[in-house]
Amino acid sequence: TAGAGTQSPMSSRADRAAAVNSPTR
C-alpha cells in the first residue's frame, strides 16, 4: 500500500528527553 504515511512517535524516554521534532512537520 503506497503512501502509508507517518506519525509522530514521542513515546520513549529518549524521545521525550531529546524533544524530537514531529515528523509530519
mmCIF file of all heavy atoms, coordinates in Angstrom:
data_MODEL
# 
_entry.id   MODEL 
# 
loop_
_atom_site.group_PDB 
_atom_site.id 
_atom_site.type_symbol 
_atom_site.label_atom_id 
_atom_site.label_alt_id 
_atom_site.label_comp_id 
_atom_site.label_asym_id 
_atom_site.label_entity_id 
_atom_site.label_seq_id 
_atom_site.pdbx_PDB_ins_code 
_atom_site.Cartn_x 
_atom_site.Cartn_y 
_atom_site.Cartn_z 
_atom_site.occupancy 
_atom_site.B_iso_or_equiv 
_atom_site.pdbx_formal_charge 
_atom_site.auth_seq_id 
_atom_site.auth_comp_id 
_atom_site.auth_asym_id 
_atom_site.auth_atom_id 
_atom_site.pdbx_PDB_model_num 
ATOM 1   N N   . THR A 1 1  ? 0.861  -1.178 0.000  1.00 0.00 ? 1  THR A N   1 
ATOM 2   C CA  . THR A 1 1  ? 0.000  0.000  0.000  1.00 0.00 ? 1  THR A CA  1 
ATOM 3   C C   . THR A 1 1  ? 0.889  1.217  0.000  1.00 0.00 ? 1  THR A C   1 
ATOM 4   O O   . THR A 1 1  ? 1.547  1.524  1.002  1.00 0.00 ? 1  THR A O   1 
ATOM 5   C CB  . THR A 1 1  ? -0.918 0.028  1.236  1.00 0.00 ? 1  THR A CB  1 
ATOM 6   O OG1 . THR A 1 1  ? -1.684 -1.180 1.254  1.00 0.00 ? 1  THR A OG1 1 
ATOM 7   C CG2 . THR A 1 1  ? -1.871 1.201  1.163  1.00 0.00 ? 1  THR A CG2 1 
ATOM 8   N N   . ALA A 1 2  ? 0.948  1.915  -1.117 1.00 0.00 ? 2  ALA A N   1 
ATOM 9   C CA  . ALA A 1 2  ? 1.817  3.086  -1.229 1.00 0.00 ? 2  ALA A CA  1 
ATOM 10  C C   . ALA A 1 2  ? 1.295  4.225  -0.382 1.00 0.00 ? 2  ALA A C   1 
ATOM 11  O O   . ALA A 1 2  ? 0.094  4.381  -0.182 1.00 0.00 ? 2  ALA A O   1 
ATOM 12  C CB  . ALA A 1 2  ? 1.910  3.530  -2.684 1.00 0.00 ? 2  ALA A CB  1 
ATOM 13  N N   . GLY A 1 3  ? 2.250  5.032  0.134  1.00 0.00 ? 3  GLY A N   1 
ATOM 14  C CA  . GLY A 1 3  ? 1.870  6.236  0.876  1.00 0.00 ? 3  GLY A CA  1 
ATOM 15  C C   . GLY A 1 3  ? 1.166  5.945  2.178  1.00 0.00 ? 3  GLY A C   1 
ATOM 16  O O   . GLY A 1 3  ? 0.151  6.550  2.507  1.00 0.00 ? 3  GLY A O   1 
ATOM 17  N N   . ALA A 1 4  ? 1.690  4.978  2.949  1.00 0.00 ? 4  ALA A N   1 
ATOM 18  C CA  . ALA A 1 4  ? 1.041  4.618  4.214  1.00 0.00 ? 4  ALA A CA  1 
ATOM 19  C C   . ALA A 1 4  ? 1.074  5.750  5.218  1.00 0.00 ? 4  ALA A C   1 
ATOM 20  O O   . ALA A 1 4  ? 0.270  5.808  6.140  1.00 0.00 ? 4  ALA A O   1 
ATOM 21  C CB  . ALA A 1 4  ? 1.717  3.370  4.802  1.00 0.00 ? 4  ALA A CB  1 
ATOM 22  N N   . GLY A 1 5  ? 2.031  6.678  5.063  1.00 0.00 ? 5  GLY A N   1 
ATOM 23  C CA  . GLY A 1 5  ? 2.073  7.843  5.954  1.00 0.00 ? 5  GLY A CA  1 
ATOM 24  C C   . GLY A 1 5  ? 2.853  7.575  7.224  1.00 0.00 ? 5  GLY A C   1 
ATOM 25  O O   . GLY A 1 5  ? 3.208  6.452  7.530  1.00 0.00 ? 5  GLY A O   1 
ATOM 26  N N   . THR A 1 6  ? 3.134  8.642  7.962  1.00 0.00 ? 6  THR A N   1 
ATOM 27  C CA  . THR A 1 6  ? 3.900  8.529  9.195  1.00 0.00 ? 6  THR A CA  1 
ATOM 28  C C   . THR A 1 6  ? 3.191  9.274  10.309 1.00 0.00 ? 6  THR A C   1 
ATOM 29  O O   . THR A 1 6  ? 2.343  10.121 10.077 1.00 0.00 ? 6  THR A O   1 
ATOM 30  C CB  . THR A 1 6  ? 5.308  9.124  9.031  1.00 0.00 ? 6  THR A CB  1 
ATOM 31  O OG1 . THR A 1 6  ? 5.185  10.506 8.674  1.00 0.00 ? 6  THR A OG1 1 
ATOM 32  C CG2 . THR A 1 6  ? 6.075  8.393  7.939  1.00 0.00 ? 6  THR A CG2 1 
ATOM 33  N N   . GLN A 1 7  ? 3.575  8.936  11.539 1.00 0.00 ? 7  GLN A N   1 
ATOM 34  C CA  . GLN A 1 7  ? 3.052  9.614  12.706 1.00 0.00 ? 7  GLN A CA  1 
ATOM 35  C C   . GLN A 1 7  ? 4.220  10.008 13.597 1.00 0.00 ? 7  GLN A C   1 
ATOM 36  O O   . GLN A 1 7  ? 5.314  9.483  13.469 1.00 0.00 ? 7  GLN A O   1 
ATOM 37  C CB  . GLN A 1 7  ? 2.110  8.686  13.492 1.00 0.00 ? 7  GLN A CB  1 
ATOM 38  C CG  . GLN A 1 7  ? 0.956  8.134  12.670 1.00 0.00 ? 7  GLN A CG  1 
ATOM 39  C CD  . GLN A 1 7  ? 0.221  7.066  13.434 1.00 0.00 ? 7  GLN A CD  1 
ATOM 40  O OE1 . GLN A 1 7  ? 0.205  7.045  14.655 1.00 0.00 ? 7  GLN A OE1 1 
ATOM 41  N NE2 . GLN A 1 7  ? -0.396 6.155  12.701 1.00 0.00 ? 7  GLN A NE2 1 
ATOM 42  N N   . SER A 1 8  ? 3.963  10.919 14.505 1.00 0.00 ? 8  SER A N   1 
ATOM 43  C CA  . SER A 1 8  ? 4.988  11.309 15.457 1.00 0.00 ? 8  SER A CA  1 
ATOM 44  C C   . SER A 1 8  ? 5.053  10.288 16.576 1.00 0.00 ? 8  SER A C   1 
ATOM 45  O O   . SER A 1 8  ? 4.028  9.922  17.150 1.00 0.00 ? 8  SER A O   1 
ATOM 46  C CB  . SER A 1 8  ? 4.659  12.686 16.038 1.00 0.00 ? 8  SER A CB  1 
ATOM 47  O OG  . SER A 1 8  ? 5.570  13.011 17.047 1.00 0.00 ? 8  SER A OG  1 
ATOM 48  N N   . PRO A 1 9  ? 6.270  9.749  16.907 1.00 0.00 ? 9  PRO A N   1 
ATOM 49  C CA  . PRO A 1 9  ? 6.361  8.752  17.968 1.00 0.00 ? 9  PRO A CA  1 
ATOM 50  C C   . PRO A 1 9  ? 6.196  9.359  19.360 1.00 0.00 ? 9  PRO A C   1 
ATOM 51  O O   . PRO A 1 9  ? 5.178  9.177  20.008 1.00 0.00 ? 9  PRO A O   1 
ATOM 52  C CB  . PRO A 1 9  ? 7.742  8.147  17.755 1.00 0.00 ? 9  PRO A CB  1 
ATOM 53  C CG  . PRO A 1 9  ? 8.512  9.184  17.034 1.00 0.00 ? 9  PRO A CG  1 
ATOM 54  C CD  . PRO A 1 9  ? 7.522  9.992  16.242 1.00 0.00 ? 9  PRO A CD  1 
ATOM 55  N N   . MET A 1 10 ? 7.203  10.095 19.834 1.00 0.00 ? 10 MET A N   1 
ATOM 56  C CA  . MET A 1 10 ? 7.166  10.792 21.113 1.00 0.00 ? 10 MET A CA  1 
ATOM 57  C C   . MET A 1 10 ? 6.673  9.908  22.257 1.00 0.00 ? 10 MET A C   1 
ATOM 58  O O   . MET A 1 10 ? 5.902  10.319 23.102 1.00 0.00 ? 10 MET A O   1 
ATOM 59  C CB  . MET A 1 10 ? 6.277  12.032 21.003 1.00 0.00 ? 10 MET A CB  1 
ATOM 60  C CG  . MET A 1 10 ? 6.806  13.078 20.048 1.00 0.00 ? 10 MET A CG  1 
ATOM 61  S SD  . MET A 1 10 ? 8.442  13.678 20.489 1.00 0.00 ? 10 MET A SD  1 
ATOM 62  C CE  . MET A 1 10 ? 8.060  14.596 21.980 1.00 0.00 ? 10 MET A CE  1 
ATOM 63  N N   . SER A 1 11 ? 7.123  8.654  22.297 1.00 0.00 ? 11 SER A N   1 
ATOM 64  C CA  . SER A 1 11 ? 6.626  7.762  23.337 1.00 0.00 ? 11 SER A CA  1 
ATOM 65  C C   . SER A 1 11 ? 7.707  7.274  24.290 1.00 0.00 ? 11 SER A C   1 
ATOM 66  O O   . SER A 1 11 ? 7.422  6.942  25.418 1.00 0.00 ? 11 SER A O   1 
ATOM 67  C CB  . SER A 1 11 ? 5.943  6.548  22.690 1.00 0.00 ? 11 SER A CB  1 
ATOM 68  O OG  . SER A 1 11 ? 6.849  5.865  21.864 1.00 0.00 ? 11 SER A OG  1 
ATOM 69  N N   . SER A 1 12 ? 8.962  7.219  23.845 1.00 0.00 ? 12 SER A N   1 
ATOM 70  C CA  . SER A 1 12 ? 10.010 6.691  24.699 1.00 0.00 ? 12 SER A CA  1 
ATOM 71  C C   . SER A 1 12 ? 10.641 7.800  25.537 1.00 0.00 ? 12 SER A C   1 
ATOM 72  O O   . SER A 1 12 ? 10.525 8.977  25.229 1.00 0.00 ? 12 SER A O   1 
ATOM 73  C CB  . SER A 1 12 ? 11.097 6.015  23.846 1.00 0.00 ? 12 SER A CB  1 
ATOM 74  O OG  . SER A 1 12 ? 11.832 6.988  23.140 1.00 0.00 ? 12 SER A OG  1 
ATOM 75  N N   . ARG A 1 13 ? 11.329 7.386  26.591 1.00 0.00 ? 13 ARG A N   1 
ATOM 76  C CA  . ARG A 1 13 ? 12.001 8.362  27.459 1.00 0.00 ? 13 ARG A CA  1 
ATOM 77  C C   . ARG A 1 13 ? 13.040 9.135  26.664 1.00 0.00 ? 13 ARG A C   1 
ATOM 78  O O   . ARG A 1 13 ? 13.193 10.345 26.820 1.00 0.00 ? 13 ARG A O   1 
ATOM 79  C CB  . ARG A 1 13 ? 12.674 7.626  28.624 1.00 0.00 ? 13 ARG A CB  1 
ATOM 80  C CG  . ARG A 1 13 ? 13.306 8.563  29.651 1.00 0.00 ? 13 ARG A CG  1 
ATOM 81  C CD  . ARG A 1 13 ? 13.832 7.778  30.829 1.00 0.00 ? 13 ARG A CD  1 
ATOM 82  N NE  . ARG A 1 13 ? 15.115 7.182  30.549 1.00 0.00 ? 13 ARG A NE  1 
ATOM 83  C CZ  . ARG A 1 13 ? 16.279 7.737  30.850 1.00 0.00 ? 13 ARG A CZ  1 
ATOM 84  N NH1 . ARG A 1 13 ? 16.322 8.938  31.402 1.00 0.00 ? 13 ARG A NH1 1 
ATOM 85  N NH2 . ARG A 1 13 ? 17.416 7.120  30.611 1.00 0.00 ? 13 ARG A NH2 1 
ATOM 86  N N   . ALA A 1 14 ? 13.779 8.431  25.777 1.00 0.00 ? 14 ALA A N   1 
ATOM 87  C CA  . ALA A 1 14 ? 14.802 9.095  24.978 1.00 0.00 ? 14 ALA A CA  1 
ATOM 88  C C   . ALA A 1 14 ? 14.191 10.144 24.064 1.00 0.00 ? 14 ALA A C   1 
ATOM 89  O O   . ALA A 1 14 ? 14.729 11.233 23.897 1.00 0.00 ? 14 ALA A O   1 
ATOM 90  C CB  . ALA A 1 14 ? 15.569 8.062  24.154 1.00 0.00 ? 14 ALA A CB  1 
ATOM 91  N N   . ASP A 1 15 ? 13.059 9.841  23.454 1.00 0.00 ? 15 ASP A N   1 
ATOM 92  C CA  . ASP A 1 15 ? 12.402 10.815 22.583 1.00 0.00 ? 15 ASP A CA  1 
ATOM 93  C C   . ASP A 1 15 ? 11.952 12.035 23.368 1.00 0.00 ? 15 ASP A C   1 
ATOM 94  O O   . ASP A 1 15 ? 12.105 13.168 22.931 1.00 0.00 ? 15 ASP A O   1 
ATOM 95  C CB  . ASP A 1 15 ? 11.173 10.184 21.902 1.00 0.00 ? 15 ASP A CB  1 
ATOM 96  C CG  . ASP A 1 15 ? 11.562 9.222  20.795 1.00 0.00 ? 15 ASP A CG  1 
ATOM 97  O OD1 . ASP A 1 15 ? 12.591 9.472  20.152 1.00 0.00 ? 15 ASP A OD1 1 
ATOM 98  O OD2 . ASP A 1 15 ? 10.845 8.242  20.598 1.00 0.00 ? 15 ASP A OD2 1 
ATOM 99  N N   . ARG A 1 16 ? 11.363 11.807 24.548 1.00 0.00 ? 16 ARG A N   1 
ATOM 100 C CA  . ARG A 1 16 ? 10.880 12.940 25.338 1.00 0.00 ? 16 ARG A CA  1 
ATOM 101 C C   . ARG A 1 16 ? 12.040 13.806 25.796 1.00 0.00 ? 16 ARG A C   1 
ATOM 102 O O   . ARG A 1 16 ? 11.968 15.033 25.764 1.00 0.00 ? 16 ARG A O   1 
ATOM 103 C CB  . ARG A 1 16 ? 10.085 12.429 26.548 1.00 0.00 ? 16 ARG A CB  1 
ATOM 104 C CG  . ARG A 1 16 ? 8.761  11.783 26.169 1.00 0.00 ? 16 ARG A CG  1 
ATOM 105 C CD  . ARG A 1 16 ? 7.887  11.610 27.389 1.00 0.00 ? 16 ARG A CD  1 
ATOM 106 N NE  . ARG A 1 16 ? 8.506  10.766 28.395 1.00 0.00 ? 16 ARG A NE  1 
ATOM 107 C CZ  . ARG A 1 16 ? 8.386  9.446  28.438 1.00 0.00 ? 16 ARG A CZ  1 
ATOM 108 N NH1 . ARG A 1 16 ? 7.701  8.813  27.497 1.00 0.00 ? 16 ARG A NH1 1 
ATOM 109 N NH2 . ARG A 1 16 ? 8.956  8.727  29.388 1.00 0.00 ? 16 ARG A NH2 1 
ATOM 110 N N   . ALA A 1 17 ? 13.140 13.169 26.208 1.00 0.00 ? 17 ALA A N   1 
ATOM 111 C CA  . ALA A 1 17 ? 14.286 13.939 26.700 1.00 0.00 ? 17 ALA A CA  1 
ATOM 112 C C   . ALA A 1 17 ? 14.919 14.756 25.590 1.00 0.00 ? 17 ALA A C   1 
ATOM 113 O O   . ALA A 1 17 ? 15.391 15.868 25.804 1.00 0.00 ? 17 ALA A O   1 
ATOM 114 C CB  . ALA A 1 17 ? 15.323 12.995 27.306 1.00 0.00 ? 17 ALA A CB  1 
ATOM 115 N N   . ALA A 1 18 ? 14.920 14.190 24.384 1.00 0.00 ? 18 ALA A N   1 
ATOM 116 C CA  . ALA A 1 18 ? 15.550 14.877 23.266 1.00 0.00 ? 18 ALA A CA  1 
ATOM 117 C C   . ALA A 1 18 ? 14.630 15.873 22.585 1.00 0.00 ? 18 ALA A C   1 
ATOM 118 O O   . ALA A 1 18 ? 15.088 16.685 21.783 1.00 0.00 ? 18 ALA A O   1 
ATOM 119 C CB  . ALA A 1 18 ? 16.026 13.844 22.246 1.00 0.00 ? 18 ALA A CB  1 
ATOM 120 N N   . ALA A 1 19 ? 13.331 15.799 22.869 1.00 0.00 ? 19 ALA A N   1 
ATOM 121 C CA  . ALA A 1 19 ? 12.352 16.710 22.269 1.00 0.00 ? 19 ALA A CA  1 
ATOM 122 C C   . ALA A 1 19 ? 12.437 16.690 20.753 1.00 0.00 ? 19 ALA A C   1 
ATOM 123 O O   . ALA A 1 19 ? 12.604 17.702 20.087 1.00 0.00 ? 19 ALA A O   1 
ATOM 124 C CB  . ALA A 1 19 ? 12.536 18.130 22.790 1.00 0.00 ? 19 ALA A CB  1 
ATOM 125 N N   . VAL A 1 20 ? 12.355 15.490 20.180 1.00 0.00 ? 20 VAL A N   1 
ATOM 126 C CA  . VAL A 1 20 ? 12.468 15.309 18.741 1.00 0.00 ? 20 VAL A CA  1 
ATOM 127 C C   . VAL A 1 20 ? 11.301 15.990 18.055 1.00 0.00 ? 20 VAL A C   1 
ATOM 128 O O   . VAL A 1 20 ? 10.175 15.941 18.518 1.00 0.00 ? 20 VAL A O   1 
ATOM 129 C CB  . VAL A 1 20 ? 12.472 13.805 18.388 1.00 0.00 ? 20 VAL A CB  1 
ATOM 130 C CG1 . VAL A 1 20 ? 12.597 13.612 16.889 1.00 0.00 ? 20 VAL A CG1 1 
ATOM 131 C CG2 . VAL A 1 20 ? 13.608 13.105 19.100 1.00 0.00 ? 20 VAL A CG2 1 
ATOM 132 N N   . ASN A 1 21 ? 11.563 16.642 16.912 1.00 0.00 ? 21 ASN A N   1 
ATOM 133 C CA  . ASN A 1 21 ? 10.517 17.319 16.155 1.00 0.00 ? 21 ASN A CA  1 
ATOM 134 C C   . ASN A 1 21 ? 9.509  16.341 15.599 1.00 0.00 ? 21 ASN A C   1 
ATOM 135 O O   . ASN A 1 21 ? 9.828  15.185 15.347 1.00 0.00 ? 21 ASN A O   1 
ATOM 136 C CB  . ASN A 1 21 ? 11.128 18.097 14.985 1.00 0.00 ? 21 ASN A CB  1 
ATOM 137 C CG  . ASN A 1 21 ? 11.841 19.337 15.453 1.00 0.00 ? 21 ASN A CG  1 
ATOM 138 O OD1 . ASN A 1 21 ? 11.631 19.791 16.566 1.00 0.00 ? 21 ASN A OD1 1 
ATOM 139 N ND2 . ASN A 1 21 ? 12.698 19.867 14.599 1.00 0.00 ? 21 ASN A ND2 1 
ATOM 140 N N   . SER A 1 22 ? 8.295  16.797 15.376 1.00 0.00 ? 22 SER A N   1 
ATOM 141 C CA  . SER A 1 22 ? 7.255  15.992 14.753 1.00 0.00 ? 22 SER A CA  1 
ATOM 142 C C   . SER A 1 22 ? 7.639  15.659 13.326 1.00 0.00 ? 22 SER A C   1 
ATOM 143 O O   . SER A 1 22 ? 7.963  16.548 12.552 1.00 0.00 ? 22 SER A O   1 
ATOM 144 C CB  . SER A 1 22 ? 5.926  16.756 14.742 1.00 0.00 ? 22 SER A CB  1 
ATOM 145 O OG  . SER A 1 22 ? 5.033  16.159 13.833 1.00 0.00 ? 22 SER A OG  1 
ATOM 146 N N   . PRO A 1 23 ? 7.608  14.359 12.927 1.00 0.00 ? 23 PRO A N   1 
ATOM 147 C CA  . PRO A 1 23 ? 7.970  14.017 11.567 1.00 0.00 ? 23 PRO A CA  1 
ATOM 148 C C   . PRO A 1 23 ? 7.019  14.602 10.542 1.00 0.00 ? 23 PRO A C   1 
ATOM 149 O O   . PRO A 1 23 ? 7.410  14.891 9.428  1.00 0.00 ? 23 PRO A O   1 
ATOM 150 C CB  . PRO A 1 23 ? 7.916  12.481 11.546 1.00 0.00 ? 23 PRO A CB  1 
ATOM 151 C CG  . PRO A 1 23 ? 7.221  12.075 12.778 1.00 0.00 ? 23 PRO A CG  1 
ATOM 152 C CD  . PRO A 1 23 ? 7.347  13.191 13.762 1.00 0.00 ? 23 PRO A CD  1 
ATOM 153 N N   . THR A 1 24 ? 5.781  14.791 10.912 1.00 0.00 ? 24 THR A N   1 
ATOM 154 C CA  . THR A 1 24 ? 4.837  15.351 9.951  1.00 0.00 ? 24 THR A CA  1 
ATOM 155 C C   . THR A 1 24 ? 5.233  16.766 9.575  1.00 0.00 ? 24 THR A C   1 
ATOM 156 O O   . THR A 1 24 ? 5.241  17.150 8.410  1.00 0.00 ? 24 THR A O   1 
ATOM 157 C CB  . THR A 1 24 ? 3.417  15.361 10.548 1.00 0.00 ? 24 THR A CB  1 
ATOM 158 O OG1 . THR A 1 24 ? 3.093  14.029 10.942 1.00 0.00 ? 24 THR A OG1 1 
ATOM 159 C CG2 . THR A 1 24 ? 2.412  15.834 9.525  1.00 0.00 ? 24 THR A CG2 1 
ATOM 160 N N   . ARG A 1 25 ? 5.631  17.597 10.579 1.00 0.00 ? 25 ARG A N   1 
ATOM 161 C CA  . ARG A 1 25 ? 6.038  18.953 10.292 1.00 0.00 ? 25 ARG A CA  1 
ATOM 162 C C   . ARG A 1 25 ? 7.331  18.964 9.493  1.00 0.00 ? 25 ARG A C   1 
ATOM 163 O O   . ARG A 1 25 ? 7.499  19.721 8.554  1.00 0.00 ? 25 ARG A O   1 
ATOM 164 C CB  . ARG A 1 25 ? 6.253  19.727 11.593 1.00 0.00 ? 25 ARG A CB  1 
ATOM 165 C CG  . ARG A 1 25 ? 4.999  19.948 12.404 1.00 0.00 ? 25 ARG A CG  1 
ATOM 166 C CD  . ARG A 1 25 ? 5.207  21.125 13.351 1.00 0.00 ? 25 ARG A CD  1 
ATOM 167 N NE  . ARG A 1 25 ? 6.476  21.081 14.028 1.00 0.00 ? 25 ARG A NE  1 
ATOM 168 C CZ  . ARG A 1 25 ? 6.686  20.493 15.205 1.00 0.00 ? 25 ARG A CZ  1 
ATOM 169 N NH1 . ARG A 1 25 ? 5.725  19.863 15.804 1.00 0.00 ? 25 ARG A NH1 1 
ATOM 170 N NH2 . ARG A 1 25 ? 7.867  20.513 15.758 1.00 0.00 ? 25 ARG A NH2 1 
# 
